[in-house]
PDB file of all heavy atoms in Angstrom:
ATOM      1  N   ILE A   1      17.442  17.413 -27.569  1.00  0.00           N
ATOM      2  CA  ILE A   1      18.553  16.632 -28.132  1.00  0.00           C
ATOM      3  C   ILE A   1      18.247  15.138 -28.177  1.00  0.00           C
ATOM      4  O   ILE A   1      18.553  14.461 -29.152  1.00  0.00           O
ATOM      5  CB  ILE A   1      19.879  16.920 -27.392  1.00  0.00           C
ATOM      6  CG1 ILE A   1      21.064  16.291 -28.113  1.00  0.00           C
ATOM      7  CG2 ILE A   1      19.827  16.426 -25.962  1.00  0.00           C
ATOM      8  CD1 ILE A   1      21.598  17.083 -29.236  1.00  0.00           C
ATOM      9  N   GLY A   2      17.595  14.618 -27.143  1.00  0.00           N
ATOM     10  CA  GLY A   2      17.231  13.201 -27.139  1.00  0.00           C
ATOM     11  C   GLY A   2      16.219  12.881 -28.221  1.00  0.00           C
ATOM     12  O   GLY A   2      16.340  11.890 -28.947  1.00  0.00           O
ATOM     13  N   ARG A   3      15.225  13.739 -28.344  1.00  0.00           N
ATOM     14  CA  ARG A   3      14.220  13.560 -29.393  1.00  0.00           C
ATOM     15  C   ARG A   3      14.867  13.709 -30.769  1.00  0.00           C
ATOM     16  O   ARG A   3      14.475  13.055 -31.717  1.00  0.00           O
ATOM     17  CB  ARG A   3      13.107  14.594 -29.254  1.00  0.00           C
ATOM     18  CG  ARG A   3      12.196  14.391 -28.085  1.00  0.00           C
ATOM     19  CD  ARG A   3      11.146  15.480 -28.083  1.00  0.00           C
ATOM     20  NE  ARG A   3      10.257  15.367 -26.946  1.00  0.00           N
ATOM     21  CZ  ARG A   3       9.337  16.264 -26.637  1.00  0.00           C
ATOM     22  NH1 ARG A   3       9.188  17.331 -27.373  1.00  0.00           N
ATOM     23  NH2 ARG A   3       8.561  16.097 -25.602  1.00  0.00           N
ATOM     24  N   ASP A   4      15.826  14.629 -30.867  1.00  0.00           N
ATOM     25  CA  ASP A   4      16.477  14.904 -32.150  1.00  0.00           C
ATOM     26  C   ASP A   4      17.218  13.676 -32.671  1.00  0.00           C
ATOM     27  O   ASP A   4      17.162  13.363 -33.857  1.00  0.00           O
ATOM     28  CB  ASP A   4      17.436  16.084 -31.999  1.00  0.00           C
ATOM     29  CG  ASP A   4      17.805  16.700 -33.326  1.00  0.00           C
ATOM     30  OD1 ASP A   4      16.975  16.662 -34.250  1.00  0.00           O
ATOM     31  OD2 ASP A   4      18.922  17.222 -33.432  1.00  0.00           O
ATOM     32  N   ILE A   5      17.911  12.971 -31.809  1.00  0.00           N
ATOM     33  CA  ILE A   5      18.649  11.770 -32.217  1.00  0.00           C
ATOM     34  C   ILE A   5      17.676  10.706 -32.722  1.00  0.00           C
ATOM     35  O   ILE A   5      17.866  10.134 -33.798  1.00  0.00           O
ATOM     36  CB  ILE A   5      19.509  11.235 -31.049  1.00  0.00           C
ATOM     37  CG1 ILE A   5      20.648  12.232 -30.745  1.00  0.00           C
ATOM     38  CG2 ILE A   5      20.057   9.850 -31.357  1.00  0.00           C
ATOM     39  CD1 ILE A   5      21.381  11.966 -29.455  1.00  0.00           C
ATOM     40  N   LEU A   6      16.614  10.462 -31.964  1.00  0.00           N
ATOM     41  CA  LEU A   6      15.621   9.468 -32.376  1.00  0.00           C
ATOM     42  C   LEU A   6      14.913   9.890 -33.660  1.00  0.00           C
ATOM     43  O   LEU A   6      14.640   9.066 -34.522  1.00  0.00           O
ATOM     44  CB  LEU A   6      14.605   9.232 -31.258  1.00  0.00           C
ATOM     45  CG  LEU A   6      15.158   8.583 -29.984  1.00  0.00           C
ATOM     46  CD1 LEU A   6      14.091   8.545 -28.898  1.00  0.00           C
ATOM     47  CD2 LEU A   6      15.687   7.191 -30.272  1.00  0.00           C
ATOM     48  N   SER A   7      14.635  11.174 -33.787  1.00  0.00           N
ATOM     49  CA  SER A   7      13.967  11.674 -34.991  1.00  0.00           C
ATOM     50  C   SER A   7      14.875  11.567 -36.207  1.00  0.00           C
ATOM     51  O   SER A   7      14.412  11.321 -37.317  1.00  0.00           O
ATOM     52  CB  SER A   7      13.524  13.117 -34.782  1.00  0.00           C
ATOM     53  OG  SER A   7      12.573  13.169 -33.744  1.00  0.00           O
ATOM     54  N   GLY A   8      16.171  11.746 -35.991  1.00  0.00           N
ATOM     55  CA  GLY A   8      17.132  11.584 -37.079  1.00  0.00           C
ATOM     56  C   GLY A   8      17.099  10.170 -37.622  1.00  0.00           C
ATOM     57  O   GLY A   8      17.190   9.958 -38.832  1.00  0.00           O
ATOM     58  N   LEU A   9      16.958   9.212 -36.734  1.00  0.00           N
ATOM     59  CA  LEU A   9      16.849   7.818 -37.170  1.00  0.00           C
ATOM     60  C   LEU A   9      15.556   7.604 -37.955  1.00  0.00           C
ATOM     61  O   LEU A   9      15.524   6.844 -38.917  1.00  0.00           O
ATOM     62  CB  LEU A   9      16.898   6.875 -35.960  1.00  0.00           C
ATOM     63  CG  LEU A   9      18.213   6.872 -35.173  1.00  0.00           C
ATOM     64  CD1 LEU A   9      18.060   6.032 -33.908  1.00  0.00           C
ATOM     65  CD2 LEU A   9      19.353   6.354 -36.036  1.00  0.00           C
ATOM     66  N   LYS A  10      14.492   8.300 -37.569  1.00  0.00           N
ATOM     67  CA  LYS A  10      13.200   8.163 -38.245  1.00  0.00           C
ATOM     68  C   LYS A  10      13.289   8.649 -39.692  1.00  0.00           C
ATOM     69  O   LYS A  10      12.609   8.130 -40.568  1.00  0.00           O
ATOM     70  CB  LYS A  10      12.136   8.946 -37.473  1.00  0.00           C
ATOM     71  CG  LYS A  10      10.749   8.811 -38.019  1.00  0.00           C
ATOM     72  CD  LYS A  10      10.191   7.422 -37.794  1.00  0.00           C
ATOM     73  CE  LYS A  10       8.713   7.397 -38.107  1.00  0.00           C
ATOM     74  NZ  LYS A  10       8.106   6.128 -37.835  1.00  0.00           N
ATOM     75  N   THR A  11      14.145   9.639 -39.952  1.00  0.00           N
ATOM     76  CA  THR A  11      14.266  10.153 -41.319  1.00  0.00           C
ATOM     77  C   THR A  11      14.864   9.110 -42.255  1.00  0.00           C
ATOM     78  O   THR A  11      14.646   9.163 -43.460  1.00  0.00           O
ATOM     79  CB  THR A  11      15.121  11.442 -41.382  1.00  0.00           C
ATOM     80  OG1 THR A  11      16.444  11.154 -40.944  1.00  0.00           O
ATOM     81  CG2 THR A  11      14.495  12.553 -40.555  1.00  0.00           C
ATOM     82  N   ILE A  12      15.574   8.163 -41.716  1.00  0.00           N
ATOM     83  CA  ILE A  12      16.163   7.104 -42.542  1.00  0.00           C
ATOM     84  C   ILE A  12      15.086   6.150 -43.041  1.00  0.00           C
ATOM     85  O   ILE A  12      15.078   5.766 -44.205  1.00  0.00           O
ATOM     86  CB  ILE A  12      17.247   6.326 -41.744  1.00  0.00           C
ATOM     87  CG1 ILE A  12      18.399   7.277 -41.421  1.00  0.00           C
ATOM     88  CG2 ILE A  12      17.727   5.108 -42.512  1.00  0.00           C
ATOM     89  CD1 ILE A  12      19.405   6.702 -40.444  1.00  0.00           C
ATOM     90  N   VAL A  13      14.151   5.794 -42.152  1.00  0.00           N
ATOM     91  CA  VAL A  13      13.121   4.821 -42.526  1.00  0.00           C
ATOM     92  C   VAL A  13      11.839   5.481 -43.029  1.00  0.00           C
ATOM     93  O   VAL A  13      10.989   4.822 -43.605  1.00  0.00           O
ATOM     94  CB  VAL A  13      12.790   3.869 -41.348  1.00  0.00           C
ATOM     95  CG1 VAL A  13      13.993   3.045 -40.976  1.00  0.00           C
ATOM     96  CG2 VAL A  13      12.272   4.635 -40.145  1.00  0.00           C
ATOM     97  N   GLY A  14      11.688   6.784 -42.797  1.00  0.00           N
ATOM     98  CA  GLY A  14      10.511   7.506 -43.268  1.00  0.00           C
ATOM     99  C   GLY A  14       9.370   7.469 -42.281  1.00  0.00           C
ATOM    100  O   GLY A  14       9.392   6.741 -41.296  1.00  0.00           O
ATOM    101  N   GLY A  15       8.351   8.272 -42.540  1.00  0.00           N
ATOM    102  CA  GLY A  15       7.173   8.327 -41.693  1.00  0.00           C
ATOM    103  C   GLY A  15       7.105   9.612 -40.888  1.00  0.00           C
ATOM    104  O   GLY A  15       7.991  10.453 -40.951  1.00  0.00           O
ATOM    105  N   GLU A  16       6.022   9.744 -40.164  1.00  0.00           N
ATOM    106  CA  GLU A  16       5.801  10.942 -39.349  1.00  0.00           C
ATOM    107  C   GLU A  16       6.779  10.995 -38.195  1.00  0.00           C
ATOM    108  O   GLU A  16       7.041   9.987 -37.529  1.00  0.00           O
ATOM    109  CB  GLU A  16       4.372  10.954 -38.803  1.00  0.00           C
ATOM    110  CG  GLU A  16       4.087  12.169 -37.938  1.00  0.00           C
ATOM    111  CD  GLU A  16       2.702  12.157 -37.315  1.00  0.00           C
ATOM    112  OE1 GLU A  16       1.981  11.147 -37.459  1.00  0.00           O
ATOM    113  OE2 GLU A  16       2.354  13.157 -36.679  1.00  0.00           O
ATOM    114  N   ILE A  17       7.294  12.173 -37.928  1.00  0.00           N
ATOM    115  CA  ILE A  17       8.165  12.382 -36.769  1.00  0.00           C
ATOM    116  C   ILE A  17       7.272  12.957 -35.672  1.00  0.00           C
ATOM    117  O   ILE A  17       7.068  14.163 -35.574  1.00  0.00           O
ATOM    118  CB  ILE A  17       9.341  13.314 -37.113  1.00  0.00           C
ATOM    119  CG1 ILE A  17      10.129  12.726 -38.281  1.00  0.00           C
ATOM    120  CG2 ILE A  17      10.234  13.502 -35.887  1.00  0.00           C
ATOM    121  CD1 ILE A  17      11.210  13.627 -38.823  1.00  0.00           C
ATOM    122  N   ARG A  18       6.695  12.073 -34.901  1.00  0.00           N
ATOM    123  CA  ARG A  18       5.664  12.455 -33.934  1.00  0.00           C
ATOM    124  C   ARG A  18       6.159  13.438 -32.882  1.00  0.00           C
ATOM    125  O   ARG A  18       5.403  14.299 -32.435  1.00  0.00           O
ATOM    126  CB  ARG A  18       5.086  11.209 -33.271  1.00  0.00           C
ATOM    127  CG  ARG A  18       4.217  10.417 -34.226  1.00  0.00           C
ATOM    128  CD  ARG A  18       3.418   9.327 -33.507  1.00  0.00           C
ATOM    129  NE  ARG A  18       2.570   8.633 -34.444  1.00  0.00           N
ATOM    130  CZ  ARG A  18       2.813   7.409 -34.895  1.00  0.00           C
ATOM    131  NH1 ARG A  18       3.859   6.740 -34.463  1.00  0.00           N
ATOM    132  NH2 ARG A  18       1.985   6.845 -35.765  1.00  0.00           N
ATOM    133  N   ASN A  19       7.416  13.334 -32.480  1.00  0.00           N
ATOM    134  CA  ASN A  19       7.937  14.267 -31.475  1.00  0.00           C
ATOM    135  C   ASN A  19       7.909  15.702 -31.988  1.00  0.00           C
ATOM    136  O   ASN A  19       7.607  16.627 -31.252  1.00  0.00           O
ATOM    137  CB  ASN A  19       9.357  13.890 -31.064  1.00  0.00           C
ATOM    138  CG  ASN A  19       9.393  12.642 -30.210  1.00  0.00           C
ATOM    139  OD1 ASN A  19       8.453  12.374 -29.459  1.00  0.00           O
ATOM    140  ND2 ASN A  19      10.458  11.879 -30.319  1.00  0.00           N
ATOM    141  N   TYR A  20       8.219  15.900 -33.245  1.00  0.00           N
ATOM    142  CA  TYR A  20       8.189  17.242 -33.821  1.00  0.00           C
ATOM    143  C   TYR A  20       6.759  17.713 -34.032  1.00  0.00           C
ATOM    144  O   TYR A  20       6.452  18.889 -33.846  1.00  0.00           O
ATOM    145  CB  TYR A  20       8.959  17.297 -35.133  1.00  0.00           C
ATOM    146  CG  TYR A  20      10.454  17.165 -34.961  1.00  0.00           C
ATOM    147  CD1 TYR A  20      11.261  16.908 -36.045  1.00  0.00           C
ATOM    148  CD2 TYR A  20      11.058  17.294 -33.714  1.00  0.00           C
ATOM    149  CE1 TYR A  20      12.638  16.776 -35.901  1.00  0.00           C
ATOM    150  CE2 TYR A  20      12.418  17.162 -33.564  1.00  0.00           C
ATOM    151  CZ  TYR A  20      13.218  16.905 -34.660  1.00  0.00           C
ATOM    152  OH  TYR A  20      14.561  16.784 -34.517  1.00  0.00           O
ATOM    153  N   THR A  21       5.888  16.796 -34.418  1.00  0.00           N
ATOM    154  CA  THR A  21       4.483  17.143 -34.561  1.00  0.00           C
ATOM    155  C   THR A  21       3.942  17.631 -33.226  1.00  0.00           C
ATOM    156  O   THR A  21       3.274  18.666 -33.147  1.00  0.00           O
ATOM    157  CB  THR A  21       3.663  15.938 -35.057  1.00  0.00           C
ATOM    158  OG1 THR A  21       4.167  15.539 -36.327  1.00  0.00           O
ATOM    159  CG2 THR A  21       2.185  16.266 -35.165  1.00  0.00           C
ATOM    160  N   LYS A  22       4.267  16.912 -32.155  1.00  0.00           N
ATOM    161  CA  LYS A  22       3.824  17.295 -30.816  1.00  0.00           C
ATOM    162  C   LYS A  22       4.444  18.627 -30.403  1.00  0.00           C
ATOM    163  O   LYS A  22       3.768  19.487 -29.829  1.00  0.00           O
ATOM    164  CB  LYS A  22       4.181  16.205 -29.802  1.00  0.00           C
ATOM    165  CG  LYS A  22       3.683  16.500 -28.408  1.00  0.00           C
ATOM    166  CD  LYS A  22       3.993  15.386 -27.443  1.00  0.00           C
ATOM    167  CE  LYS A  22       3.489  15.770 -26.061  1.00  0.00           C
ATOM    168  NZ  LYS A  22       3.848  14.807 -25.052  1.00  0.00           N
ATOM    169  N   MET A  23       5.724  18.830 -30.709  1.00  0.00           N
ATOM    170  CA  MET A  23       6.404  20.077 -30.355  1.00  0.00           C
ATOM    171  C   MET A  23       5.715  21.278 -31.016  1.00  0.00           C
ATOM    172  O   MET A  23       5.441  22.280 -30.371  1.00  0.00           O
ATOM    173  CB  MET A  23       7.868  20.037 -30.788  1.00  0.00           C
ATOM    174  CG  MET A  23       8.638  21.310 -30.485  1.00  0.00           C
ATOM    175  SD  MET A  23      10.275  21.373 -31.242  1.00  0.00           S
ATOM    176  CE  MET A  23       9.836  21.785 -32.933  1.00  0.00           C
ATOM    177  N   LEU A  24       5.393  21.143 -32.313  1.00  0.00           N
ATOM    178  CA  LEU A  24       4.745  22.253 -33.015  1.00  0.00           C
ATOM    179  C   LEU A  24       3.308  22.457 -32.561  1.00  0.00           C
ATOM    180  O   LEU A  24       2.822  23.585 -32.507  1.00  0.00           O
ATOM    181  CB  LEU A  24       4.832  22.043 -34.523  1.00  0.00           C
ATOM    182  CG  LEU A  24       6.229  22.258 -35.089  1.00  0.00           C
ATOM    183  CD1 LEU A  24       6.297  21.834 -36.550  1.00  0.00           C
ATOM    184  CD2 LEU A  24       6.668  23.699 -34.924  1.00  0.00           C
ATOM    185  N   GLU A  25       2.627  21.373 -32.202  1.00  0.00           N
ATOM    186  CA  GLU A  25       1.265  21.491 -31.671  1.00  0.00           C
ATOM    187  C   GLU A  25       1.279  22.283 -30.363  1.00  0.00           C
ATOM    188  O   GLU A  25       0.457  23.182 -30.144  1.00  0.00           O
ATOM    189  CB  GLU A  25       0.673  20.104 -31.451  1.00  0.00           C
ATOM    190  CG  GLU A  25      -0.754  20.112 -30.965  1.00  0.00           C
ATOM    191  CD  GLU A  25      -1.303  18.700 -30.821  1.00  0.00           C
ATOM    192  OE1 GLU A  25      -1.305  17.968 -31.822  1.00  0.00           O
ATOM    193  OE2 GLU A  25      -1.725  18.349 -29.704  1.00  0.00           O
ATOM    194  N   GLU A  26       2.239  21.962 -29.490  1.00  0.00           N
ATOM    195  CA  GLU A  26       2.374  22.690 -28.228  1.00  0.00           C
ATOM    196  C   GLU A  26       2.723  24.151 -28.489  1.00  0.00           C
ATOM    197  O   GLU A  26       2.194  25.049 -27.824  1.00  0.00           O
ATOM    198  CB  GLU A  26       3.456  22.041 -27.362  1.00  0.00           C
ATOM    199  CG  GLU A  26       3.065  20.698 -26.806  1.00  0.00           C
ATOM    200  CD  GLU A  26       4.231  19.951 -26.161  1.00  0.00           C
ATOM    201  OE1 GLU A  26       5.379  20.473 -26.166  1.00  0.00           O
ATOM    202  OE2 GLU A  26       4.001  18.844 -25.642  1.00  0.00           O
ATOM    203  N   ALA A  27       3.585  24.406 -29.462  1.00  0.00           N
ATOM    204  CA  ALA A  27       3.974  25.776 -29.802  1.00  0.00           C
ATOM    205  C   ALA A  27       2.764  26.570 -30.300  1.00  0.00           C
ATOM    206  O   ALA A  27       2.584  27.735 -29.936  1.00  0.00           O
ATOM    207  CB  ALA A  27       5.082  25.772 -30.849  1.00  0.00           C
TER     208      ALA A  27
END
């Protein structure tokens, strides 16, 4: 949830969402 809020802000300005990239890499 904490990462989700910050990532939501990232979608406004654009660019890689590193937290999700890391999450999928771990998965």
